[in-house]
Amino acid sequence: MGITKFEIVPILEKKYNVPVKIKNDGKCAGLAEKKYGELKRYDDCIFLCIGTGVGSAVFIDGDLVELKQAPGFEFGHMMIDKNGIKCNCGNIGCFETYASMKRLKKEAIKQFGLDEDINSEELQKYIRNNINEDKMRNFIDNYIKNLSIGIINIINIFEPEAICFGGSFSYYTDIFLPKLDKEVKENKFNKNTECKLICARHQNDAGIIGATLL
């Protein structure tokens, strides 16, 4: 948008005369799932918000990992293909260019000749109605292959007890998670550890709920 160094917090505090806090939406969603959702029972765990991009929150020994310079843990911008698709950030082959639901929708429109204005609910219905077709199975399998590369990298680095998936991805977990779990188990480095792949309890409301915990 061409906006730089715009300090919105003091502007809102002055206008509404209340204390204001600001935090990355993926981190807020992760806080909600850790406090009230599916990550409550785990100490070492990761939240991934897969929607327009890939947001994240990392918890070690029960606490959200906070960094000094920036929110960090931009898993969406891990490079998974040096010759891959150009990302909006300007780099090549970023994880979110293959794993985001925005990318899934774009590819579905292209491969299945869908209306470009199709909404999320319509796309979900179309995928479910055609899930037994070979072309759709191949489409889903290819998405899961790309997604698994990033997930396996995350697991190999952090060895979490669980990864929780939120964002619009959470509306497809019954389709995606069994296939993803199989890919992860077959290809992760440490076969002696277990990482649960689970769906966010609060789905797209997690970010709003988590913001109340700041």
Foldseek 3Di string as FASTA:
>chain_A
DPDPPDDVQVVVCVVVVDHDDDDDLQQLLVQLCCVPRDVVVFQFEKEWEAAQFTGIWTGHRSHTDDDDPDRDPPLQADAPDQPADQDPVGHHRGLRCLAHVVNLLVVCCVPVVDDPPDDPVRVVVVLVVCVPPPVSVVSLLSSLVSNLSSVLVVCLVRVTQEYEYAHSVLVCCVPRVVSNLVSNCVDHDDNPGHYYYYYIPCHPCSSVNSSVVD
